[in-house]
Amino acid sequence: MKKALGNVFIWIIYLILYAPLLVMVFFSFNEGRSTSVFTGFSLKWYEELFASRDTMTALQNTLVLAVSSAVIATILGTAAAMYMYYLRNRAWKATMKTVTNIPMMNPEIVTGVSMMLLFVFIGRLLGADNSLSFGTLLIAHVTFNLPYVILNVLPKLNQTDPHLAEAAQDLGSTPMQAFVKVVMPAVIPGVISGFLMSFTMSLDDFVISYYTTGSDFQTLPLKIFAMTKKTVKPDMYALSSLIFITVLVLLLIINISQIRQEKKNASK
C-alpha cells in the first residue's frame, strides 16, 4: 500500500513538472494560433521558425557560445580537478572544494549583476566604448560552467588508483605519456559528462546572459524574452520545444553514460 501511494505521489509530481512542457510541445504543431483549440496537425510554425533570419542568427550565436564555453570550461575544469586531486594540503583542498561549490549555490541574478559590474568597471579602466560583448558573455559562461566540470571529473579521479601513473613511469613512460595513456582513459567519462552538462547549462542560460552580453550578440533565450514583450506567436512554442527536446536528450545521454559507467565499475 505504501509503495502504491509512493508511486502515485511520484507520478503527480512528474505531471505537475512536465504537463506545461508537453502542452507547449503539443500546440507547437497546431495549425492555428489558438493555445486552447487544436485545429489540426501542421509543421507551419517550425517552417516559419527556420525561415526567420533573426532566429537562425540567434541559434547560431547560441551554439557557438555553448560549444566554445563548454570546451574552455572542460579544459580548465579538468586541469583544476587534477590540481585538486594531487594537492597534499588537506585544508587548502577543502577550501578549494568549498569555493568551487559557491557559484552553483549563488543565485544567478547575483552572479549576473556582479559580473556585469566587474566587466563595466574593467571596461571603464581600459577606456572601452562598449564594456559588454561576446567576450564578456563567454567569460561569464565559462565561469559558471567550471564547477560542473570539476565536480564531474574529480570523483572519477578519486576512483582511480593513484599509483597507476607512477607504475607507468617506472615502466618507461614519460609523465605526459602516463597522463595521456593511464589517467585520461580513467577520467574520460567524467570529462564527457562535464562537457555535456556545460553545453546544456550554457545553451539555456538567460539570467547571466542578460546582464553580461552586448547589444550586438543575442542568444535564443534572450530572443525568446524579447518576443514575450510583444504578441507571442506560435513559432515561439516551436522554438521552446526544440530547446526543451535538445536539453532533454543531452541530459538522457549524461545519465545513461553515468549508469553504464557505474555498472562497469561494479562488475570489476
Protein backbone atom coordinates (compact mmCIF):
# COMPACT_ATOMS: atom_id res chain seq x y z
CA MET A 1 0.00 0.00 0.00
CA LYS A 2 2.78 2.42 0.91
CA LYS A 3 4.60 1.59 -2.33
CA ALA A 4 1.47 2.23 -4.38
CA LEU A 5 0.87 5.58 -2.67
CA GLY A 6 4.52 6.48 -3.23
CA ASN A 7 4.23 5.71 -6.96
CA VAL A 8 1.05 7.80 -7.24
CA PHE A 9 2.77 10.67 -5.46
CA ILE A 10 5.76 10.49 -7.79
CA TRP A 11 3.56 10.48 -10.90
CA ILE A 12 1.65 13.51 -9.59
CA ILE A 13 4.96 15.35 -9.19
CA TYR A 14 6.03 14.38 -12.72
CA LEU A 15 2.65 15.54 -14.06
CA ILE A 16 2.99 18.95 -12.40
CA LEU A 17 6.56 19.34 -13.67
CA TYR A 18 6.12 18.18 -17.25
CA ALA A 19 2.48 18.89 -18.15
CA PRO A 20 3.18 22.54 -19.15
CA LEU A 21 6.11 21.42 -21.32
CA LEU A 22 4.06 18.69 -23.01
CA VAL A 23 1.23 21.16 -23.70
CA MET A 24 3.73 23.57 -25.23
CA VAL A 25 5.18 20.85 -27.49
CA PHE A 26 1.67 19.70 -28.45
CA PHE A 27 0.47 23.16 -29.51
CA SER A 28 3.68 23.85 -31.41
CA PHE A 29 2.20 21.51 -34.02
CA ASN A 30 -1.16 23.31 -34.06
CA GLU A 31 -2.22 24.65 -37.44
CA GLY A 32 -3.90 27.71 -35.92
CA ARG A 33 -2.77 30.33 -33.45
CA SER A 34 -5.02 29.15 -30.62
CA THR A 35 -3.46 27.79 -27.44
CA SER A 36 -6.67 26.11 -26.33
CA VAL A 37 -8.17 24.62 -29.51
CA PHE A 38 -6.18 22.20 -31.65
CA THR A 39 -7.36 22.81 -35.23
CA GLY A 40 -5.06 20.33 -36.94
CA PHE A 41 -1.55 18.96 -37.15
CA SER A 42 0.91 21.16 -39.02
CA LEU A 43 4.61 21.98 -39.22
CA LYS A 44 3.75 25.55 -40.23
CA TRP A 45 5.32 27.20 -37.18
CA TYR A 46 8.51 25.17 -37.47
CA GLU A 47 8.78 26.25 -41.11
CA GLU A 48 8.31 29.89 -40.13
CA LEU A 49 10.84 29.45 -37.35
CA PHE A 50 13.58 28.20 -39.68
CA ALA A 51 12.67 30.79 -42.30
CA SER A 52 13.36 33.61 -39.84
CA ARG A 53 16.84 35.04 -40.36
CA ASP A 54 16.92 36.62 -36.89
CA THR A 55 16.04 33.33 -35.24
CA MET A 56 18.65 31.41 -37.19
CA THR A 57 21.26 34.01 -36.25
CA ALA A 58 20.29 33.65 -32.59
CA LEU A 59 20.52 29.87 -32.93
CA GLN A 60 23.99 30.13 -34.46
CA ASN A 61 25.10 32.51 -31.69
CA THR A 62 23.76 30.14 -29.05
CA LEU A 63 25.55 27.10 -30.47
CA VAL A 64 28.83 28.98 -30.91
CA LEU A 65 28.65 30.26 -27.34
CA ALA A 66 27.63 26.89 -25.87
CA VAL A 67 30.34 24.91 -27.66
CA SER A 68 33.08 27.50 -27.00
CA SER A 69 32.28 27.89 -23.31
CA ALA A 70 31.90 24.11 -22.84
CA VAL A 71 35.26 23.37 -24.48
CA ILE A 72 37.12 26.05 -22.49
CA ALA A 73 35.40 25.11 -19.23
CA THR A 74 36.16 21.41 -19.81
CA ILE A 75 39.87 22.08 -20.36
CA LEU A 76 40.21 24.44 -17.40
CA GLY A 77 37.94 22.35 -15.16
CA THR A 78 39.84 19.13 -15.89
CA ALA A 79 43.15 20.86 -15.11
CA ALA A 80 41.69 22.28 -11.88
CA ALA A 81 40.35 18.86 -10.86
CA MET A 82 43.78 17.32 -11.48
CA TYR A 83 45.41 20.00 -9.33
CA MET A 84 42.91 19.47 -6.51
CA TYR A 85 43.37 15.70 -6.71
CA TYR A 86 47.16 15.81 -6.35
CA LEU A 87 47.08 18.60 -3.76
CA ARG A 88 48.60 17.41 -0.47
CA ASN A 89 47.45 20.23 1.80
CA ARG A 90 44.08 19.00 3.11
CA ALA A 91 42.97 22.38 4.42
CA TRP A 92 43.69 24.08 1.10
CA LYS A 93 41.99 21.24 -0.78
CA ALA A 94 38.85 21.56 1.39
CA THR A 95 38.87 25.32 0.85
CA MET A 96 39.08 24.90 -2.92
CA LYS A 97 36.18 22.43 -2.91
CA THR A 98 34.06 24.89 -0.93
CA VAL A 99 34.93 27.75 -3.27
CA THR A 100 34.05 25.53 -6.24
CA ASN A 101 30.54 24.98 -4.86
CA ILE A 102 29.82 28.70 -4.32
CA PRO A 103 28.99 29.55 -7.98
CA MET A 104 26.48 26.69 -8.03
CA MET A 105 24.78 27.81 -4.82
CA ASN A 106 24.87 31.52 -5.63
CA PRO A 107 21.64 32.90 -7.22
CA GLU A 108 22.11 33.53 -10.93
CA ILE A 109 20.88 37.10 -10.71
CA VAL A 110 23.56 37.88 -8.14
CA THR A 111 26.22 36.29 -10.36
CA GLY A 112 24.95 38.12 -13.43
CA VAL A 113 24.79 41.56 -11.81
CA SER A 114 28.16 41.20 -10.09
CA MET A 115 29.88 40.10 -13.30
CA MET A 116 28.25 42.93 -15.24
CA LEU A 117 29.58 45.46 -12.73
CA LEU A 118 33.04 43.89 -12.93
CA PHE A 119 33.10 43.99 -16.74
CA VAL A 120 31.86 47.58 -16.84
CA PHE A 121 34.45 48.63 -14.24
CA ILE A 122 37.30 46.99 -16.17
CA GLY A 123 35.98 48.42 -19.43
CA ARG A 124 36.00 51.93 -17.98
CA LEU A 125 39.57 51.46 -16.77
CA LEU A 126 40.63 50.34 -20.24
CA GLY A 127 38.70 53.15 -21.90
CA ALA A 128 36.46 50.80 -23.90
CA ASP A 129 33.41 52.32 -25.59
CA ASN A 130 31.35 49.16 -25.03
CA SER A 131 32.26 47.11 -21.96
CA LEU A 132 29.92 44.20 -22.74
CA SER A 133 30.39 41.97 -25.77
CA PHE A 134 30.66 38.35 -26.83
CA GLY A 135 33.93 38.14 -24.90
CA THR A 136 32.34 39.08 -21.58
CA LEU A 137 29.45 36.70 -22.24
CA LEU A 138 31.91 33.88 -22.97
CA ILE A 139 33.86 34.57 -19.77
CA ALA A 140 30.62 34.55 -17.76
CA HIS A 141 29.52 31.21 -19.23
CA VAL A 142 32.92 29.62 -18.66
CA THR A 143 32.81 30.84 -15.05
CA PHE A 144 29.52 29.19 -14.13
CA ASN A 145 30.34 26.04 -16.14
CA LEU A 146 33.66 25.36 -14.38
CA PRO A 147 32.18 23.90 -11.16
CA TYR A 148 30.13 21.35 -13.12
CA VAL A 149 33.24 20.10 -14.92
CA ILE A 150 35.29 19.92 -11.72
CA LEU A 151 32.56 18.06 -9.84
CA ASN A 152 32.25 15.53 -12.69
CA VAL A 153 35.97 14.91 -13.16
CA LEU A 154 37.09 14.89 -9.51
CA PRO A 155 35.04 11.83 -8.46
CA LYS A 156 36.49 9.87 -11.40
CA LEU A 157 39.98 10.80 -10.27
CA ASN A 158 39.15 9.66 -6.74
CA GLN A 159 38.07 6.28 -8.14
CA THR A 160 41.39 5.69 -9.91
CA ASP A 161 44.43 4.04 -8.36
CA PRO A 162 46.88 6.88 -7.55
CA HIS A 163 49.82 4.56 -8.19
CA LEU A 164 48.93 3.71 -11.80
CA ALA A 165 50.69 6.77 -13.23
CA GLU A 166 53.77 6.06 -11.10
CA ALA A 167 53.81 2.44 -12.28
CA ALA A 168 53.60 3.59 -15.90
CA GLN A 169 56.57 5.91 -15.38
CA ASP A 170 58.53 3.10 -13.74
CA LEU A 171 57.94 1.08 -16.91
CA GLY A 172 59.46 3.79 -19.07
CA SER A 173 56.63 6.22 -19.79
CA THR A 174 57.18 9.94 -19.54
CA PRO A 175 54.89 11.90 -17.16
CA MET A 176 52.90 13.15 -20.17
CA GLN A 177 52.57 9.65 -21.63
CA ALA A 178 51.44 8.31 -18.26
CA PHE A 179 48.84 11.03 -18.02
CA VAL A 180 47.51 10.51 -21.56
CA LYS A 181 47.55 6.70 -21.59
CA VAL A 182 46.69 5.91 -17.97
CA VAL A 183 44.97 8.79 -16.20
CA MET A 184 42.87 10.27 -19.02
CA PRO A 185 41.16 6.99 -20.06
CA ALA A 186 40.05 6.56 -16.44
CA VAL A 187 38.53 10.04 -16.15
CA ILE A 188 37.24 10.49 -19.71
CA PRO A 189 33.62 9.61 -18.73
CA GLY A 190 33.69 12.45 -16.20
CA VAL A 191 35.22 14.80 -18.78
CA ILE A 192 32.48 13.96 -21.30
CA SER A 193 29.77 14.37 -18.65
CA GLY A 194 31.23 17.71 -17.63
CA PHE A 195 31.32 18.88 -21.25
CA LEU A 196 27.73 17.84 -21.93
CA MET A 197 26.50 19.44 -18.72
CA SER A 198 28.39 22.65 -19.50
CA PHE A 199 26.92 22.70 -23.01
CA THR A 200 23.42 22.19 -21.61
CA MET A 201 23.79 24.89 -18.97
CA SER A 202 25.16 27.36 -21.50
CA LEU A 203 22.51 26.51 -24.08
CA ASP A 204 19.53 27.59 -21.99
CA ASP A 205 21.05 30.25 -19.71
CA PHE A 206 19.14 33.52 -19.63
CA VAL A 207 19.73 35.45 -16.40
CA ILE A 208 23.53 35.68 -16.52
CA SER A 209 23.49 36.17 -20.30
CA TYR A 210 21.02 39.04 -19.96
CA TYR A 211 23.41 41.02 -17.76
CA THR A 212 26.72 40.20 -19.44
CA THR A 213 26.07 40.31 -23.20
CA GLY A 214 26.41 43.21 -25.57
CA SER A 215 23.66 44.66 -27.76
CA ASP A 216 25.18 43.09 -30.89
CA PHE A 217 25.02 39.48 -29.71
CA GLN A 218 21.69 37.75 -28.99
CA THR A 219 21.15 34.14 -27.94
CA LEU A 220 17.95 32.11 -28.21
CA PRO A 221 16.88 32.59 -24.56
CA LEU A 222 17.36 36.35 -24.97
CA LYS A 223 15.36 36.32 -28.20
CA ILE A 224 12.53 34.41 -26.53
CA PHE A 225 12.45 37.01 -23.77
CA ALA A 226 12.32 39.79 -26.37
CA MET A 227 9.44 38.05 -28.14
CA THR A 228 7.36 37.90 -24.94
CA LYS A 229 7.27 41.70 -24.83
CA LYS A 230 5.10 41.67 -27.97
CA THR A 231 2.35 39.39 -29.24
CA VAL A 232 3.54 35.84 -28.74
CA LYS A 233 3.49 33.90 -31.99
CA PRO A 234 3.22 30.11 -32.03
CA ASP A 235 6.67 29.85 -33.60
CA MET A 236 7.92 30.69 -30.10
CA TYR A 237 6.37 27.41 -28.93
CA ALA A 238 8.27 25.61 -31.68
CA LEU A 239 11.50 27.32 -30.64
CA SER A 240 10.98 26.50 -26.96
CA SER A 241 10.08 22.91 -27.84
CA LEU A 242 13.33 22.46 -29.76
CA ILE A 243 15.34 23.81 -26.82
CA PHE A 244 13.47 21.54 -24.39
CA ILE A 245 13.99 18.44 -26.54
CA THR A 246 17.69 19.25 -27.05
CA VAL A 247 18.30 19.68 -23.33
CA LEU A 248 16.29 16.54 -22.54
CA VAL A 249 18.33 14.44 -25.00
CA LEU A 250 21.62 15.74 -23.59
CA LEU A 251 20.55 15.00 -20.02
CA LEU A 252 19.49 11.49 -21.03
CA ILE A 253 22.91 10.93 -22.62
CA ILE A 254 24.62 12.13 -19.44
CA ASN A 255 22.51 9.91 -17.16
CA ILE A 256 22.81 6.83 -19.38
CA SER A 257 26.59 7.21 -19.63
CA GLN A 258 26.87 7.56 -15.86
CA ILE A 259 24.69 4.49 -15.26
CA ARG A 260 26.74 2.41 -17.71
CA GLN A 261 29.97 3.54 -16.11
CA GLU A 262 28.68 2.66 -12.62
CA LYS A 263 27.64 -0.81 -13.82
CA LYS A 264 31.04 -1.26 -15.45
CA ASN A 265 32.82 -0.29 -12.24
CA ALA A 266 30.56 -2.56 -10.18
CA SER A 267 31.31 -5.55 -12.41
CA LYS A 268 35.07 -5.21 -11.91
